[in-house]
Amino acid sequence: MDNTLNEFLRELERSSFYGSVELKYENGRITLARKAETIKLDNSRQNHCRNNRGTNGDYSK
């Protein structure tokens, strides 16, 4: 890994990153890094999310 990738990964650790990192290789070398961040909702916010499962078509709930 080169310095740029090391710095990128260190910054993710410092920022308490929650998600995934995907590395793309070309000819045996890392050429691209893709970062997908996941945001965890706390319980108070999850209670306000709408859940349409098991409503048998009644979405008025």
Foldseek 3Di string as FASTA:
>chain_A
DDPVVVVVVVVCVVVVFAFDKDFDDDPRHTDDIDTDGDDDDDPVVVVPDDDPPPPVPPRPD
